[in-house]
PDB file of N, CA and C in Angstrom:
ATOM      1  N   MET A   1      76.033  85.818 137.166  1.00  0.00           N
ATOM      2  CA  MET A   1      76.542  84.902 136.849  1.00  0.00           C
ATOM      3  C   MET A   1      77.530  85.408 135.870  1.00  0.00           C
ATOM      4  N   THR A   2      79.180  85.007 136.341  1.00  0.00           N
ATOM      5  CA  THR A   2      79.995  85.622 135.283  1.00  0.00           C
ATOM      6  C   THR A   2      80.551  84.047 135.324  1.00  0.00           C
ATOM      7  N   ARG A   3      81.423  84.087 133.769  1.00  0.00           N
ATOM      8  CA  ARG A   3      82.248  82.889 133.258  1.00  0.00           C
ATOM      9  C   ARG A   3      83.568  82.811 133.842  1.00  0.00           C
ATOM     10  N   LYS A   4      83.939  81.718 134.094  1.00  0.00           N
ATOM     11  CA  LYS A   4      84.754  81.361 134.961  1.00  0.00           C
ATOM     12  C   LYS A   4      86.302  81.989 133.500  1.00  0.00           C
ATOM     13  N   GLY A   5      87.109  83.195 134.019  1.00  0.00           N
ATOM     14  CA  GLY A   5      87.850  83.876 133.159  1.00  0.00           C
ATOM     15  C   GLY A   5      87.819  85.311 132.837  1.00  0.00           C
ATOM     16  N   ASP A   6      85.892  85.677 132.757  1.00  0.00           N
ATOM     17  CA  ASP A   6      86.000  86.676 132.177  1.00  0.00           C
ATOM     18  C   ASP A   6      86.302  87.967 133.209  1.00  0.00           C
ATOM     19  N   GLY A   7      87.126  87.766 134.244  1.00  0.00           N
ATOM     20  CA  GLY A   7      87.987  89.077 134.915  1.00  0.00           C
ATOM     21  C   GLY A   7      89.396  88.984 134.876  1.00  0.00           C
ATOM     22  N   MET A   8      89.605  87.671 134.044  1.00  0.00           N
ATOM     23  CA  MET A   8      91.210  87.610 133.396  1.00  0.00           C
ATOM     24  C   MET A   8      91.517  88.638 132.809  1.00  0.00           C
ATOM     25  N   ARG A   9      92.417  89.271 133.008  1.00  0.00           N
ATOM     26  CA  ARG A   9      93.088  90.651 132.054  1.00  0.00           C
ATOM     27  C   ARG A   9      94.333  90.027 131.911  1.00  0.00           C
ATOM     28  N   LEU A  10      95.272  90.082 130.220  1.00  0.00           N
ATOM     29  CA  LEU A  10      96.639  89.939 129.923  1.00  0.00           C
ATOM     30  C   LEU A  10      97.152  91.332 130.460  1.00  0.00           C
ATOM     31  N   ALA A  11      98.660  90.683 131.106  1.00  0.00           N
ATOM     32  CA  ALA A  11      99.535  92.046 131.410  1.00  0.00           C
ATOM     33  C   ALA A  11      99.711  93.075 130.224  1.00  0.00           C
ATOM     34  N   PRO A  12      99.425  94.039 130.321  1.00  0.00           N
ATOM     35  CA  PRO A  12      99.664  95.463 129.580  1.00  0.00           C
ATOM     36  C   PRO A  12     101.284  95.088 128.634  1.00  0.00           C
ATOM     37  N   LYS A  13     100.998  95.744 127.493  1.00  0.00           N
ATOM     38  CA  LYS A  13     102.175  95.766 127.011  1.00  0.00           C
ATOM     39  C   LYS A  13     103.483  96.953 127.750  1.00  0.00           C
ATOM     40  N   PRO A  14     104.667  96.883 127.880  1.00  0.00           N
ATOM     41  CA  PRO A  14     105.341  97.307 128.876  1.00  0.00           C
ATOM     42  C   PRO A  14     105.577  99.065 127.333  1.00  0.00           C
ATOM     43  N   LEU A  15     105.122 100.256 128.337  1.00  0.00           N
ATOM     44  CA  LEU A  15     105.831 101.244 127.583  1.00  0.00           C
ATOM     45  C   LEU A  15     106.801 101.787 126.755  1.00  0.00           C
ATOM     46  N   TYR A  16     108.028 101.122 127.305  1.00  0.00           N
ATOM     47  CA  TYR A  16     109.247 101.356 126.738  1.00  0.00           C
ATOM     48  C   TYR A  16     109.345  99.751 126.357  1.00  0.00           C
ATOM     49  N   PRO A  17     110.560  99.627 125.291  1.00  0.00           N
ATOM     50  CA  PRO A  17     110.996  98.265 125.050  1.00  0.00           C
ATOM     51  C   PRO A  17     111.869  97.988 125.820  1.00  0.00           C
ATOM     52  N   SER A  18     111.934  96.942 126.412  1.00  0.00           N
ATOM     53  CA  SER A  18     113.315  96.472 127.031  1.00  0.00           C
ATOM     54  C   SER A  18     114.118  96.120 126.369  1.00  0.00           C
ATOM     55  N   SER A  19     114.427  95.534 124.932  1.00  0.00           N
ATOM     56  CA  SER A  19     115.439  95.972 124.077  1.00  0.00           C
ATOM     57  C   SER A  19     116.059  96.961 123.364  1.00  0.00           C
ATOM     58  N   LEU A  20     117.032  96.754 123.450  1.00  0.00           N
ATOM     59  CA  LEU A  20     117.592  98.425 122.914  1.00  0.00           C
ATOM     60  C   LEU A  20     117.642  98.229 121.142  1.00  0.00           C
ATOM     61  N   GLU A  21     118.143  96.823 120.613  1.00  0.00           N
ATOM     62  CA  GLU A  21     118.177  96.481 119.296  1.00  0.00           C
ATOM     63  C   GLU A  21     116.832  96.623 118.155  1.00  0.00           C
ATOM     64  N   TYR A  22     116.796  97.468 117.607  1.00  0.00           N
ATOM     65  CA  TYR A  22     115.912  98.073 116.664  1.00  0.00           C
ATOM     66  C   TYR A  22     116.016  97.711 115.332  1.00  0.00           C
ATOM     67  N   VAL A  23     115.202  98.432 114.372  1.00  0.00           N
ATOM     68  CA  VAL A  23     115.283  98.101 112.775  1.00  0.00           C
ATOM     69  C   VAL A  23     115.507  99.421 112.311  1.00  0.00           C
ATOM     70  N   VAL A  24     116.022  99.918 111.646  1.00  0.00           N
ATOM     71  CA  VAL A  24     116.055 101.216 110.553  1.00  0.00           C
ATOM     72  C   VAL A  24     115.574 100.820 109.589  1.00  0.00           C
ATOM     73  N   ILE A  25     114.513 101.783 108.958  1.00  0.00           N
ATOM     74  CA  ILE A  25     114.304 101.861 107.783  1.00  0.00           C
ATOM     75  C   ILE A  25     114.353 103.075 107.199  1.00  0.00           C
ATOM     76  N   LEU A  26     114.622 103.254 106.041  1.00  0.00           N
ATOM     77  CA  LEU A  26     115.093 104.716 105.377  1.00  0.00           C
ATOM     78  C   LEU A  26     114.149 104.504 104.286  1.00  0.00           C
ATOM     79  N   PHE A  27     113.661 105.770 104.011  1.00  0.00           N
ATOM     80  CA  PHE A  27     112.580 106.100 102.884  1.00  0.00           C
ATOM     81  C   PHE A  27     113.079 107.476 102.610  1.00  0.00           C
ATOM     82  N   ASP A  28     112.653 107.554 101.292  1.00  0.00           N
ATOM     83  CA  ASP A  28     113.155 108.472 100.290  1.00  0.00           C
ATOM     84  C   ASP A  28     111.936 109.012  99.589  1.00  0.00           C
ATOM     85  N   LEU A  29     111.114 110.165 100.473  1.00  0.00           N
ATOM     86  CA  LEU A  29     109.673 110.480 100.054  1.00  0.00           C
ATOM     87  C   LEU A  29     109.748 110.761  98.522  1.00  0.00           C
ATOM     88  N   ARG A  30     110.871 111.405  97.917  1.00  0.00           N
ATOM     89  CA  ARG A  30     110.462 111.609  96.589  1.00  0.00           C
ATOM     90  C   ARG A  30     110.632 110.655  95.462  1.00  0.00           C
ATOM     91  N   LEU A  31     111.028 109.492  95.813  1.00  0.00           N
ATOM     92  CA  LEU A  31     110.512 108.224  94.710  1.00  0.00           C
ATOM     93  C   LEU A  31     109.127 107.913  94.764  1.00  0.00           C
ATOM     94  N   PRO A  32     108.657 107.612  93.475  1.00  0.00           N
ATOM     95  CA  PRO A  32     107.188 107.177  93.442  1.00  0.00           C
ATOM     96  C   PRO A  32     106.695 105.899  94.491  1.00  0.00           C
ATOM     97  N   GLY A  33     105.826 106.136  94.824  1.00  0.00           N
ATOM     98  CA  GLY A  33     105.060 105.032  95.698  1.00  0.00           C
ATOM     99  C   GLY A  33     105.251 104.852  97.269  1.00  0.00           C
ATOM    100  N   THR A  34     106.612 105.571  97.354  1.00  0.00           N
ATOM    101  CA  THR A  34     107.522 105.641  98.957  1.00  0.00           C
ATOM    102  C   THR A  34     106.503 106.054  99.941  1.00  0.00           C
ATOM    103  N   ALA A  35     105.864 106.981 100.190  1.00  0.00           N
ATOM    104  CA  ALA A  35     104.989 107.431 100.881  1.00  0.00           C
ATOM    105  C   ALA A  35     104.009 106.655 101.042  1.00  0.00           C
ATOM    106  N   GLY A  36     103.390 105.411 100.213  1.00  0.00           N
ATOM    107  CA  GLY A  36     102.089 104.493 100.451  1.00  0.00           C
ATOM    108  C   GLY A  36     102.876 103.331 101.298  1.00  0.00           C
ATOM    109  N   ARG A  37     104.105 103.142 100.735  1.00  0.00           N
ATOM    110  CA  ARG A  37     104.853 102.072 101.446  1.00  0.00           C
ATOM    111  C   ARG A  37     104.969 102.214 102.923  1.00  0.00           C
ATOM    112  N   LEU A  38     105.520 103.507 103.327  1.00  0.00           N
ATOM    113  CA  LEU A  38     105.998 103.915 104.627  1.00  0.00           C
ATOM    114  C   LEU A  38     104.315 103.870 105.220  1.00  0.00           C
ATOM    115  N   ASP A  39     103.735 104.195 104.718  1.00  0.00           N
ATOM    116  CA  ASP A  39     102.090 103.826 105.327  1.00  0.00           C
ATOM    117  C   ASP A  39     101.893 102.888 106.040  1.00  0.00           C
ATOM    118  N   ARG A  40     102.215 101.760 105.212  1.00  0.00           N
ATOM    119  CA  ARG A  40     101.840 100.056 104.719  1.00  0.00           C
ATOM    120  C   ARG A  40     102.401  99.932 105.885  1.00  0.00           C
ATOM    121  N   GLU A  41     104.104 100.235 106.186  1.00  0.00           N
ATOM    122  CA  GLU A  41     104.969 100.050 107.182  1.00  0.00           C
ATOM    123  C   GLU A  41     104.413 100.033 108.396  1.00  0.00           C
ATOM    124  N   ARG A  42     104.001 101.442 108.706  1.00  0.00           N
ATOM    125  CA  ARG A  42     103.799 102.275 109.941  1.00  0.00           C
ATOM    126  C   ARG A  42     102.684 101.075 110.588  1.00  0.00           C
ATOM    127  N   ALA A  43     101.220 101.073 109.828  1.00  0.00           N
ATOM    128  CA  ALA A  43     100.777 100.366 109.965  1.00  0.00           C
ATOM    129  C   ALA A  43     100.490  98.968 110.051  1.00  0.00           C
ATOM    130  N   ALA A  44     101.660  98.568 110.179  1.00  0.00           N
ATOM    131  CA  ALA A  44     102.002  96.577 109.902  1.00  0.00           C
ATOM    132  C   ALA A  44     102.807  96.896 111.605  1.00  0.00           C
ATOM    133  N   TRP A  45     103.527  97.768 111.527  1.00  0.00           N
ATOM    134  CA  TRP A  45     103.987  97.720 113.115  1.00  0.00           C
ATOM    135  C   TRP A  45     103.129  98.879 114.526  1.00  0.00           C
ATOM    136  N   GLN A  46     102.503  99.345 113.870  1.00  0.00           N
ATOM    137  CA  GLN A  46     101.893 100.110 114.868  1.00  0.00           C
ATOM    138  C   GLN A  46     102.563 100.821 116.051  1.00  0.00           C
ATOM    139  N   ALA A  47     102.019 100.288 117.159  1.00  0.00           N
ATOM    140  CA  ALA A  47     102.825 101.083 117.953  1.00  0.00           C
ATOM    141  C   ALA A  47     104.060 100.684 118.645  1.00  0.00           C
ATOM    142  N   GLN A  48     104.878  99.470 117.711  1.00  0.00           N
ATOM    143  CA  GLN A  48     106.464  99.233 117.941  1.00  0.00           C
ATOM    144  C   GLN A  48     106.924  99.749 117.111  1.00  0.00           C
ATOM    145  N   CYS A  49     106.771 101.055 116.928  1.00  0.00           N
ATOM    146  CA  CYS A  49     108.059 101.927 115.988  1.00  0.00           C
ATOM    147  C   CYS A  49     107.453 103.452 115.858  1.00  0.00           C
ATOM    148  N   ASN A  50     108.411 104.075 116.112  1.00  0.00           N
ATOM    149  CA  ASN A  50     108.518 105.616 115.531  1.00  0.00           C
ATOM    150  C   ASN A  50     108.771 105.789 114.306  1.00  0.00           C
ATOM    151  N   ILE A  51     108.551 107.276 113.985  1.00  0.00           N
ATOM    152  CA  ILE A  51     108.414 107.853 112.698  1.00  0.00           C
ATOM    153  C   ILE A  51     109.434 109.354 112.714  1.00  0.00           C
ATOM    154  N   GLU A  52     110.800 109.075 112.300  1.00  0.00           N
ATOM    155  CA  GLU A  52     111.724 110.640 112.363  1.00  0.00           C
ATOM    156  C   GLU A  52     111.642 110.839 110.988  1.00  0.00           C
ATOM    157  N   ALA A  53     111.635 112.231 111.323  1.00  0.00           N
ATOM    158  CA  ALA A  53     112.037 113.198 109.475  1.00  0.00           C
ATOM    159  C   ALA A  53     113.426 113.535 109.944  1.00  0.00           C
ATOM    160  N   LEU A  54     113.944 113.140 109.147  1.00  0.00           N
ATOM    161  CA  LEU A  54     115.498 113.980 109.098  1.00  0.00           C
ATOM    162  C   LEU A  54     115.645 114.734 107.788  1.00  0.00           C
ATOM    163  N   ASP A  55     114.689 115.187 106.731  1.00  0.00           N
ATOM    164  CA  ASP A  55     114.994 116.325 106.184  1.00  0.00           C
ATOM    165  C   ASP A  55     113.421 116.225 105.176  1.00  0.00           C
ATOM    166  N   GLU A  56     112.878 117.080 104.525  1.00  0.00           N
ATOM    167  CA  GLU A  56     112.342 117.492 104.008  1.00  0.00           C
ATOM    168  C   GLU A  56     111.689 116.134 103.233  1.00  0.00           C
ATOM    169  N   ASN A  57     112.683 115.556 102.501  1.00  0.00           N
ATOM    170  CA  ASN A  57     112.367 114.263 101.770  1.00  0.00           C
ATOM    171  C   ASN A  57     112.507 113.121 102.341  1.00  0.00           C
ATOM    172  N   HIS A  58     113.248 113.252 103.479  1.00  0.00           N
ATOM    173  CA  HIS A  58     114.145 111.588 104.230  1.00  0.00           C
ATOM    174  C   HIS A  58     112.962 111.609 105.525  1.00  0.00           C
ATOM    175  N   VAL A  59     112.782 110.034 105.585  1.00  0.00           N
ATOM    176  CA  VAL A  59     112.189 109.915 106.623  1.00  0.00           C
ATOM    177  C   VAL A  59     112.594 108.224 107.121  1.00  0.00           C
ATOM    178  N   ALA A  60     113.061 108.309 108.851  1.00  0.00           N
ATOM    179  CA  ALA A  60     113.387 106.827 109.350  1.00  0.00           C
ATOM    180  C   ALA A  60     112.356 106.205 109.735  1.00  0.00           C
ATOM    181  N   LEU A  61     111.736 105.209 109.742  1.00  0.00           N
ATOM    182  CA  LEU A  61     111.241 104.529 110.640  1.00  0.00           C
ATOM    183  C   LEU A  61     111.933 103.548 111.548  1.00  0.00           C
ATOM    184  N   LEU A  62     111.768 103.331 112.705  1.00  0.00           N
ATOM    185  CA  LEU A  62     112.478 102.876 113.886  1.00  0.00           C
ATOM    186  C   LEU A  62     111.741 101.807 114.418  1.00  0.00           C
ATOM    187  N   ALA A  63     111.546 100.347 114.027  1.00  0.00           N
ATOM    188  CA  ALA A  63     110.981  99.099 114.301  1.00  0.00           C
ATOM    189  C   ALA A  63     111.798  98.081 115.665  1.00  0.00           C
ATOM    190  N   TRP A  64     110.940  98.070 116.485  1.00  0.00           N
ATOM    191  CA  TRP A  64     111.380  97.067 117.555  1.00  0.00           C
ATOM    192  C   TRP A  64     111.314  95.702 116.890  1.00  0.00           C
ATOM    193  N   PRO A  65     112.330  94.425 116.643  1.00  0.00           N
ATOM    194  CA  PRO A  65     111.957  93.324 116.134  1.00  0.00           C
ATOM    195  C   PRO A  65     110.666  92.609 116.585  1.00  0.00           C
ATOM    196  N   GLY A  66     110.004  91.954 116.312  1.00  0.00           N
ATOM    197  CA  GLY A  66     108.971  91.110 117.106  1.00  0.00           C
ATOM    198  C   GLY A  66     107.674  91.847 117.139  1.00  0.00           C
ATOM    199  N   GLY A  67     107.629  92.839 116.360  1.00  0.00           N
ATOM    200  CA  GLY A  67     106.422  94.136 116.587  1.00  0.00           C
ATOM    201  C   GLY A  67     105.513  93.819 115.667  1.00  0.00           C
ATOM    202  N   ALA A  68     106.043  93.763 114.200  1.00  0.00           N
ATOM    203  CA  ALA A  68     104.896  93.835 112.714  1.00  0.00           C
ATOM    204  C   ALA A  68     103.948  92.982 113.528  1.00  0.00           C
ATOM    205  N   LEU A  69     102.478  93.265 112.868  1.00  0.00           N
ATOM    206  CA  LEU A  69     101.707  92.324 113.713  1.00  0.00           C
ATOM    207  C   LEU A  69     101.030  91.890 111.855  1.00  0.00           C
ATOM    208  N   ARG A  70     101.054  92.512 111.126  1.00  0.00           N
ATOM    209  CA  ARG A  70     101.004  91.640 109.982  1.00  0.00           C
ATOM    210  C   ARG A  70     102.078  92.503 108.600  1.00  0.00           C
ATOM    211  N   LEU A  71     102.392  91.867 107.647  1.00  0.00           N
ATOM    212  CA  LEU A  71     103.424  91.886 106.803  1.00  0.00           C
ATOM    213  C   LEU A  71     102.938  92.997 105.554  1.00  0.00           C
ATOM    214  N   PRO A  72     103.805  93.898 105.413  1.00  0.00           N
ATOM    215  CA  PRO A  72     103.091  95.301 104.395  1.00  0.00           C
ATOM    216  C   PRO A  72     103.249  94.355 103.069  1.00  0.00           C
ATOM    217  N   ARG A  73     102.438  94.813 102.528  1.00  0.00           N
ATOM    218  CA  ARG A  73     102.187  94.627 100.809  1.00  0.00           C
ATOM    219  C   ARG A  73     102.609  95.484  99.834  1.00  0.00           C
TER     220      ARG A  73
END
């Protein structure tokens, strides 16, 4: 016997965000502690962000508002 609701599933998140609004956060990896902050931001945003390398020392994190699971420290 299954309990009521066991077979219920939430609708999956869309593969692509429906909004074109996003936040761009730039990181200069030459500065102390920046790589760690980038890791914390990426972990907070998870699937709601993309990371783009601009050059050897600069990275952009593109995040969709409302997607952060927790605030980075």
